Amino acid sequence: MALFLVNAVYALGVTPARTTIDFEPGLKKAVEFEVLNSEGKDIKLNAMVVNGELDGYIYLPVKEMFISANEKSKKFNYEINLPGSLSPGLHKGEILIIESSGESDLSQTQVLATLAVVTQLHVYVPYPGKYANADMVVYNANQGENVLFVFPVVSAGEFDLTSVRANVDIFNSMGEKVDSFTTLTIRVPSGEKKEIVYEWKADVPIGNYRATAGLIYDEGIVNLERQFTVGSRELELKEINVNNFKLGEIAKLEMLVENKWSEAISGVYIETKIKKDNGDIVSMFQSPSQSIEALSKQIFSSYWDTAGVKEGTYETEISINYADKSSKNNLKFKVEKDELVVLGLGYVVSEDSGGSKDTLVIVLVIVVVVLVLVNLLWFLIIRKRLKKK
């Protein structure tokens, strides 16, 4: 099967990229999706169910579809017929939509295609009783500063988690325990996500450290482990800029990276993962690799195809990769129609970046005028006093 899976905003797209539903025994439902005809041409499409555990429960009423040149998009649907039971956890299925380049027959082994896109189906089955899905995120810090520990916890069972806390041990590179701490205790209602946050004072030598945690909840425990660094970051993400952001189009993200080493670093590239709250990846892309001279800054350009992306706030992991190392930045992207707000670095990138500069100029002019008036007033007061003498 010769397929070229292309994420191309200028040719073929599908929305939503993923549909997530909660499991109901014997659920029968039609799920709608929309195929985008961005090039404005006649398109013949074939659809098939591929991959995933749900392929036996997904039915396509129409497997051959057509979109005319004057249709910017067209809606279709597939049907799901769930069984009486599924094992707890996440179950996945995929529907592949192919732009056919000629006559094809899905019953045959070969399908000639130019482009293909995928829409996913996720069905979540709660765990019986109480169950926690958890992770540990550790933010590096300089010596003497606070290392931030964040524990995202999802109550994935039928009942609330009434008592959740984390016991953490910290080890140096020699395997020696240097400190321990216990976080506060929180409650997590069933089906919800909450975070435990703890700041640990890094009064330790510069170097690499390992944190092991036991996240304890009501009737169970989740064991977690992460590496982190205390000391100056060798490569640091300084800012993110983009011009003329428009949701649905391809956005160019310019990321400024600072090299704090006294030597040049080669083979550096940035990988960006944009995720939902539940950890599902919405988009993943990376920049070309390049070198950064010693003690200098370099701009890395990445391109994000926002076709099918909805407005909202997304967890974002930006990794600066070089040699066998990776410096991760956990941020949030607040996506709006004509604006992208980056939470965590303090930079806003939007459709028109000139407005903020104009505002700054106006503020500076006002400040200068006020200072001139104050100085003039003092001059007149002093002059009047001198005349009286």
Protein backbone atom coordinates (compact mmCIF):
# COMPACT_ATOMS: atom_id res chain seq x y z
CA MET A 1 0.00 0.00 0.00
CA ALA A 2 1.70 3.16 -1.27
CA LEU A 3 0.54 5.92 1.08
CA PHE A 4 2.05 9.34 1.61
CA LEU A 5 0.75 10.61 4.95
CA VAL A 6 1.09 14.37 4.59
CA ASN A 7 0.02 17.07 7.05
CA ALA A 8 -0.56 19.70 4.35
CA VAL A 9 -2.77 22.68 5.00
CA TYR A 10 -2.78 23.54 1.32
CA ALA A 11 -4.31 20.27 0.10
CA LEU A 12 -6.29 18.00 2.40
CA GLY A 13 -7.31 18.28 6.04
CA VAL A 14 -9.72 16.73 8.52
CA THR A 15 -11.37 18.02 11.67
CA PRO A 16 -11.64 17.02 14.42
CA ALA A 17 -8.31 15.23 14.45
CA ARG A 18 -9.57 13.24 17.43
CA THR A 19 -12.91 12.45 19.09
CA THR A 20 -12.87 11.24 22.71
CA ILE A 21 -15.88 9.66 24.40
CA ASP A 22 -16.56 7.94 27.71
CA PHE A 23 -17.45 4.26 27.42
CA GLU A 24 -21.08 3.19 27.69
CA PRO A 25 -21.97 -0.51 27.29
CA GLY A 26 -23.61 -1.16 23.91
CA LEU A 27 -23.32 2.50 22.85
CA LYS A 28 -24.41 3.14 19.25
CA LYS A 29 -23.54 6.54 17.88
CA ALA A 30 -22.74 8.39 14.66
CA VAL A 31 -19.58 10.50 14.86
CA GLU A 32 -19.28 13.42 12.44
CA PHE A 33 -16.05 14.63 10.87
CA GLU A 34 -15.30 17.23 8.21
CA VAL A 35 -12.85 16.94 5.33
CA LEU A 36 -11.26 20.24 4.27
CA ASN A 37 -10.61 21.02 0.61
CA SER A 38 -8.03 23.79 1.01
CA GLU A 39 -6.90 23.75 -2.64
CA GLY A 40 -10.40 24.12 -4.05
CA LYS A 41 -10.32 21.22 -6.49
CA ASP A 42 -12.34 18.12 -7.26
CA ILE A 43 -11.26 15.40 -4.84
CA LYS A 44 -12.13 11.74 -4.85
CA LEU A 45 -11.65 10.15 -1.43
CA ASN A 46 -11.51 6.65 -0.04
CA ALA A 47 -11.90 5.89 3.66
CA MET A 48 -10.94 2.86 5.70
CA VAL A 49 -10.60 1.86 9.33
CA VAL A 50 -6.98 1.11 10.21
CA ASN A 51 -5.01 0.38 13.37
CA GLY A 52 -6.22 0.42 16.94
CA GLU A 53 -8.26 -1.78 19.22
CA LEU A 54 -11.59 -0.30 18.08
CA ASP A 55 -11.46 -1.31 14.42
CA GLY A 56 -14.06 -4.02 15.01
CA TYR A 57 -16.50 -1.50 16.49
CA ILE A 58 -16.26 1.22 13.81
CA TYR A 59 -18.37 1.12 10.65
CA LEU A 60 -18.11 3.40 7.62
CA PRO A 61 -21.47 3.77 5.83
CA VAL A 62 -19.75 5.38 2.84
CA LYS A 63 -16.22 4.38 1.88
CA GLU A 64 -15.96 6.34 -1.36
CA MET A 65 -16.51 10.10 -1.10
CA PHE A 66 -16.33 13.07 -3.44
CA ILE A 67 -15.77 16.79 -2.81
CA SER A 68 -16.28 19.22 -5.68
CA ALA A 69 -14.02 22.19 -6.38
CA ASN A 70 -16.61 24.72 -5.14
CA GLU A 71 -16.88 22.99 -1.73
CA LYS A 72 -14.36 24.23 0.85
CA SER A 73 -15.27 21.33 3.10
CA LYS A 74 -17.74 18.48 3.38
CA LYS A 75 -19.13 16.57 6.35
CA PHE A 76 -19.18 12.80 6.67
CA ASN A 77 -19.64 10.38 9.55
CA TYR A 78 -18.74 6.97 10.82
CA GLU A 79 -20.75 4.79 13.19
CA ILE A 80 -19.61 3.14 16.39
CA ASN A 81 -21.21 0.12 18.02
CA LEU A 82 -19.46 -0.58 21.31
CA PRO A 83 -19.59 -3.97 23.04
CA GLY A 84 -21.04 -4.67 26.48
CA SER A 85 -17.63 -4.33 28.12
CA LEU A 86 -14.06 -3.19 27.48
CA SER A 87 -11.01 -3.40 29.70
CA PRO A 88 -10.29 -0.29 31.82
CA GLY A 89 -8.16 2.41 30.25
CA LEU A 90 -7.86 4.08 26.85
CA HIS A 91 -8.88 2.33 23.62
CA LYS A 92 -7.98 3.78 20.21
CA GLY A 93 -9.13 3.56 16.61
CA GLU A 94 -8.21 5.42 13.42
CA ILE A 95 -10.08 6.28 10.22
CA LEU A 96 -7.81 6.94 7.26
CA ILE A 97 -9.11 9.29 4.53
CA ILE A 98 -7.17 8.99 1.28
CA GLU A 99 -7.18 11.28 -1.74
CA SER A 100 -7.23 8.82 -4.60
CA SER A 101 -5.12 9.56 -7.67
CA GLY A 102 -7.10 7.22 -9.88
CA GLU A 103 -9.53 4.35 -9.97
CA SER A 104 -9.10 2.19 -6.87
CA ASP A 105 -10.73 -0.68 -5.13
CA LEU A 106 -10.47 -0.94 -1.35
CA SER A 107 -10.88 -4.71 -1.59
CA GLN A 108 -7.58 -4.90 -3.46
CA THR A 109 -4.18 -4.76 -1.82
CA GLN A 110 -3.03 -1.65 -3.66
CA VAL A 111 -4.45 1.85 -3.34
CA LEU A 112 -2.80 4.63 -5.28
CA ALA A 113 -2.89 7.83 -3.27
CA THR A 114 -1.39 11.31 -3.21
CA LEU A 115 -2.41 12.47 0.26
CA ALA A 116 -3.95 10.95 3.36
CA VAL A 117 -5.19 12.27 6.70
CA VAL A 118 -6.38 10.52 9.85
CA THR A 119 -9.16 11.19 12.34
CA GLN A 120 -8.91 9.27 15.60
CA LEU A 121 -11.46 7.81 18.01
CA HIS A 122 -10.55 7.44 21.69
CA VAL A 123 -12.84 5.60 24.09
CA TYR A 124 -12.03 5.86 27.77
CA VAL A 125 -13.17 3.16 30.20
CA PRO A 126 -12.96 4.11 33.92
CA TYR A 127 -11.10 1.81 36.29
CA PRO A 128 -13.21 0.12 38.98
CA GLY A 129 -12.94 1.57 42.48
CA LYS A 130 -10.21 4.15 42.99
CA TYR A 131 -7.37 4.59 40.51
CA ALA A 132 -4.79 7.33 39.90
CA ASN A 133 -2.80 8.22 36.79
CA ALA A 134 0.11 10.45 37.80
CA ASP A 135 3.34 11.98 36.58
CA MET A 136 6.20 14.00 38.07
CA VAL A 137 7.57 17.09 36.29
CA VAL A 138 10.76 18.67 37.68
CA TYR A 139 11.93 22.14 36.62
CA ASN A 140 15.70 22.69 36.79
CA ALA A 141 17.06 25.61 38.81
CA ASN A 142 20.33 27.30 39.67
CA GLN A 143 22.15 26.57 42.89
CA GLY A 144 20.40 28.16 45.88
CA GLU A 145 17.12 28.65 43.98
CA ASN A 146 13.92 26.60 44.20
CA VAL A 147 13.52 23.44 42.12
CA LEU A 148 9.83 23.16 41.24
CA PHE A 149 8.19 19.74 41.52
CA VAL A 150 4.76 19.33 39.89
CA PHE A 151 2.65 16.17 40.24
CA PRO A 152 -0.32 16.06 37.79
CA VAL A 153 -2.86 13.55 39.15
CA VAL A 154 -5.90 12.23 37.28
CA SER A 155 -8.61 10.35 39.19
CA ALA A 156 -9.23 7.64 36.57
CA GLY A 157 -11.47 5.39 38.67
CA GLU A 158 -15.15 5.35 39.52
CA PHE A 159 -14.70 7.03 42.92
CA ASP A 160 -13.01 10.18 44.25
CA LEU A 161 -9.45 10.12 45.55
CA THR A 162 -9.81 11.59 49.04
CA SER A 163 -6.15 11.68 50.11
CA VAL A 164 -3.28 12.14 47.64
CA ARG A 165 0.29 13.11 48.55
CA ALA A 166 3.86 12.43 47.38
CA ASN A 167 6.89 11.27 49.40
CA VAL A 168 10.08 12.28 47.56
CA ASP A 169 13.72 11.25 48.01
CA ILE A 170 16.53 13.09 46.22
CA PHE A 171 19.84 11.44 45.29
CA ASN A 172 23.06 12.88 43.87
CA SER A 173 25.02 11.42 40.94
CA MET A 174 26.82 9.06 43.35
CA GLY A 175 23.51 7.56 44.48
CA GLU A 176 23.67 9.18 47.92
CA LYS A 177 20.44 10.53 49.41
CA VAL A 178 20.77 14.29 49.96
CA ASP A 179 17.25 15.19 51.06
CA SER A 180 13.62 14.05 51.43
CA PHE A 181 10.28 15.82 51.62
CA THR A 182 6.53 15.15 51.71
CA THR A 183 4.03 17.30 49.82
CA LEU A 184 0.69 18.55 51.02
CA THR A 185 -2.36 16.29 50.71
CA ILE A 186 -5.11 17.00 48.16
CA ARG A 187 -8.45 15.52 47.07
CA VAL A 188 -9.15 14.66 43.41
CA PRO A 189 -12.78 14.03 42.32
CA SER A 190 -13.43 11.16 39.93
CA GLY A 191 -12.72 12.08 36.30
CA GLU A 192 -10.85 15.26 37.21
CA LYS A 193 -7.20 16.35 37.12
CA LYS A 194 -5.37 18.31 39.81
CA GLU A 195 -1.74 19.16 40.54
CA ILE A 196 0.43 18.97 43.64
CA VAL A 197 3.16 21.64 43.58
CA TYR A 198 6.21 21.72 45.81
CA GLU A 199 9.25 24.04 45.83
CA TRP A 200 12.50 22.44 47.00
CA LYS A 201 15.40 24.67 48.00
CA ALA A 202 18.48 23.60 46.01
CA ASP A 203 21.10 24.12 48.74
CA VAL A 204 23.27 21.44 47.16
CA PRO A 205 26.36 21.40 44.91
CA ILE A 206 25.91 21.97 41.17
CA GLY A 207 25.30 18.71 39.32
CA ASN A 208 22.82 16.09 38.20
CA TYR A 209 20.25 14.67 40.62
CA ARG A 210 17.60 11.95 40.66
CA ALA A 211 14.24 12.23 42.38
CA THR A 212 12.21 9.14 43.29
CA ALA A 213 8.63 9.63 44.46
CA GLY A 214 5.87 7.48 45.82
CA LEU A 215 2.57 9.14 45.02
CA ILE A 216 0.27 7.71 47.68
CA TYR A 217 -3.51 7.75 47.22
CA ASP A 218 -6.22 6.11 49.35
CA GLU A 219 -5.72 2.47 48.35
CA GLY A 220 -2.66 2.55 46.15
CA ILE A 221 0.71 4.02 45.20
CA VAL A 222 2.30 5.22 41.94
CA ASN A 223 6.11 5.07 41.78
CA LEU A 224 7.76 7.86 39.80
CA GLU A 225 11.35 8.82 38.96
CA ARG A 226 12.91 11.83 37.20
CA GLN A 227 16.37 13.28 36.56
CA PHE A 228 17.04 16.99 37.04
CA THR A 229 19.95 19.43 37.18
CA VAL A 230 21.06 22.04 39.68
CA GLY A 231 23.27 24.67 38.08
CA SER A 232 23.45 27.09 35.19
CA ARG A 233 21.57 25.96 32.11
CA GLU A 234 23.86 25.42 29.16
CA LEU A 235 21.24 26.24 26.52
CA GLU A 236 18.29 28.38 27.55
CA LEU A 237 15.08 29.30 25.72
CA LYS A 238 14.79 33.08 26.02
CA GLU A 239 11.71 34.01 24.00
CA ILE A 240 9.21 32.94 21.35
CA ASN A 241 7.96 35.23 18.61
CA VAL A 242 5.62 34.83 15.64
CA ASN A 243 4.16 37.30 13.16
CA ASN A 244 0.65 37.37 11.71
CA PHE A 245 -0.72 34.42 13.69
CA LYS A 246 -3.98 33.10 12.24
CA LEU A 247 -5.64 29.99 13.67
CA GLY A 248 -6.06 27.40 10.91
CA GLU A 249 -2.96 28.49 9.02
CA ILE A 250 0.73 27.56 9.28
CA ALA A 251 2.39 29.60 12.03
CA LYS A 252 6.12 30.31 11.99
CA LEU A 253 7.51 30.23 15.55
CA GLU A 254 10.87 31.91 16.04
CA MET A 255 12.54 30.67 19.23
CA LEU A 256 15.54 32.53 20.61
CA VAL A 257 18.06 30.25 22.35
CA GLU A 258 21.08 31.41 24.37
CA ASN A 259 24.31 29.40 24.55
CA LYS A 260 25.88 29.92 27.98
CA TRP A 261 28.84 27.69 27.19
CA SER A 262 32.28 29.05 26.41
CA GLU A 263 32.34 26.81 23.32
CA ALA A 264 30.22 26.55 20.19
CA ILE A 265 27.53 23.83 20.16
CA SER A 266 26.60 22.07 16.91
CA GLY A 267 23.68 19.87 15.93
CA VAL A 268 21.14 21.79 17.99
CA TYR A 269 17.44 21.46 17.17
CA ILE A 270 14.16 22.22 18.97
CA GLU A 271 11.28 19.75 19.28
CA THR A 272 7.85 21.06 20.26
CA LYS A 273 5.00 18.92 21.60
CA ILE A 274 1.59 20.53 22.08
CA LYS A 275 -0.71 18.53 24.34
CA LYS A 276 -4.18 18.49 25.84
CA ASP A 277 -4.73 18.37 29.60
CA ASN A 278 -4.93 14.58 29.49
CA GLY A 279 -1.51 14.34 27.83
CA ASP A 280 -2.72 13.52 24.30
CA ILE A 281 -0.45 15.11 21.69
CA VAL A 282 -2.25 17.61 19.42
CA SER A 283 0.80 18.52 17.32
CA MET A 284 4.50 17.69 17.25
CA PHE A 285 7.12 19.41 15.09
CA GLN A 286 10.80 20.33 15.16
CA SER A 287 13.18 22.93 13.77
CA PRO A 288 16.12 22.27 11.45
CA SER A 289 19.39 21.67 13.31
CA GLN A 290 22.08 24.36 13.41
CA SER A 291 25.04 25.57 15.46
CA ILE A 292 25.22 28.25 18.15
CA GLU A 293 28.45 30.15 18.68
CA ALA A 294 29.94 30.42 22.16
CA LEU A 295 28.18 32.87 24.53
CA SER A 296 25.75 33.96 21.82
CA LYS A 297 22.08 33.71 20.86
CA GLN A 298 20.50 32.02 17.85
CA ILE A 299 16.97 31.99 16.39
CA PHE A 300 15.43 28.60 15.56
CA SER A 301 12.40 28.56 13.25
CA SER A 302 9.65 25.96 13.59
CA TYR A 303 6.40 25.67 11.65
CA TRP A 304 3.09 24.68 13.27
CA ASP A 305 0.18 23.65 11.06
CA THR A 306 -2.84 24.79 13.10
CA ALA A 307 -5.45 23.32 10.74
CA GLY A 308 -8.08 21.60 12.85
CA VAL A 309 -6.72 23.06 16.11
CA LYS A 310 -9.40 24.59 18.35
CA GLU A 311 -9.15 27.66 20.53
CA GLY A 312 -8.05 26.90 24.07
CA THR A 313 -5.05 26.45 26.36
CA TYR A 314 -2.60 23.63 25.61
CA GLU A 315 0.25 22.15 27.65
CA THR A 316 3.43 22.63 25.61
CA GLU A 317 6.79 20.89 25.98
CA ILE A 318 9.69 22.53 24.15
CA SER A 319 12.91 20.49 24.13
CA ILE A 320 16.26 21.94 23.08
CA ASN A 321 18.24 18.91 21.92
CA TYR A 322 21.99 18.64 21.32
CA ALA A 323 24.50 15.80 21.52
CA ASP A 324 23.04 13.40 24.11
CA LYS A 325 21.40 16.17 26.16
CA SER A 326 17.97 17.76 26.21
CA SER A 327 16.79 20.92 27.96
CA LYS A 328 13.01 20.85 28.42
CA ASN A 329 10.70 23.81 28.93
CA ASN A 330 7.13 23.17 30.06
CA LEU A 331 4.91 26.05 28.93
CA LYS A 332 1.30 26.70 28.00
CA PHE A 333 0.03 27.95 24.63
CA LYS A 334 -3.21 29.92 24.86
CA VAL A 335 -4.58 29.74 21.32
CA GLU A 336 -7.11 32.29 20.08
CA LYS A 337 -8.36 33.16 16.61
CA ASP A 338 -5.78 35.86 15.91
CA GLU A 339 -3.47 35.52 18.90
CA LEU A 340 -1.12 33.05 20.54
CA VAL A 341 -0.19 33.75 24.15
CA VAL A 342 2.85 31.91 25.53
CA LEU A 343 2.43 31.37 29.28
CA GLY A 344 5.67 30.66 31.12
CA LEU A 345 8.06 32.92 29.24
CA GLY A 346 5.95 36.05 29.44
CA TYR A 347 5.81 36.72 25.70
CA VAL A 348 2.68 37.37 23.62
CA VAL A 349 2.72 36.73 19.88
CA SER A 350 -0.23 37.85 17.82
CA GLU A 351 -1.47 38.93 14.42
CA ASP A 352 -0.07 42.46 14.77
CA SER A 353 3.01 42.82 16.93
CA GLY A 354 3.38 46.53 16.22
CA GLY A 355 0.73 47.62 18.73
CA SER A 356 2.82 46.90 21.81
CA LYS A 357 5.73 48.89 20.39
CA ASP A 358 3.48 51.86 19.66
CA THR A 359 2.12 51.72 23.20
CA LEU A 360 5.64 51.73 24.63
CA VAL A 361 6.59 54.78 22.54
CA ILE A 362 3.50 56.65 23.74
CA VAL A 363 4.29 55.86 27.38
CA LEU A 364 7.89 57.04 26.98
CA VAL A 365 6.78 60.29 25.35
CA ILE A 366 4.35 60.96 28.21
CA VAL A 367 7.08 60.29 30.79
CA VAL A 368 9.50 62.69 29.03
CA VAL A 369 6.86 65.43 28.84
CA VAL A 370 6.06 65.07 32.56
CA LEU A 371 9.75 65.28 33.48
CA VAL A 372 10.19 68.43 31.36
CA LEU A 373 7.19 70.10 33.03
CA VAL A 374 8.45 69.19 36.52
CA ASN A 375 11.90 70.64 35.76
CA LEU A 376 10.34 73.81 34.33
CA LEU A 377 8.18 74.22 37.44
CA TRP A 378 11.20 73.89 39.73
CA PHE A 379 13.09 76.43 37.60
CA LEU A 380 10.27 78.99 37.96
CA ILE A 381 10.02 78.44 41.72
CA ILE A 382 13.77 78.87 42.25
CA ARG A 383 13.84 81.96 40.00
CA LYS A 384 11.00 83.58 41.96
CA ARG A 385 12.80 82.94 45.26
CA LEU A 386 16.03 84.48 43.92
CA LYS A 387 14.16 87.67 42.88
CA LYS A 388 12.71 88.08 46.38
CA LYS A 389 16.24 87.98 47.84
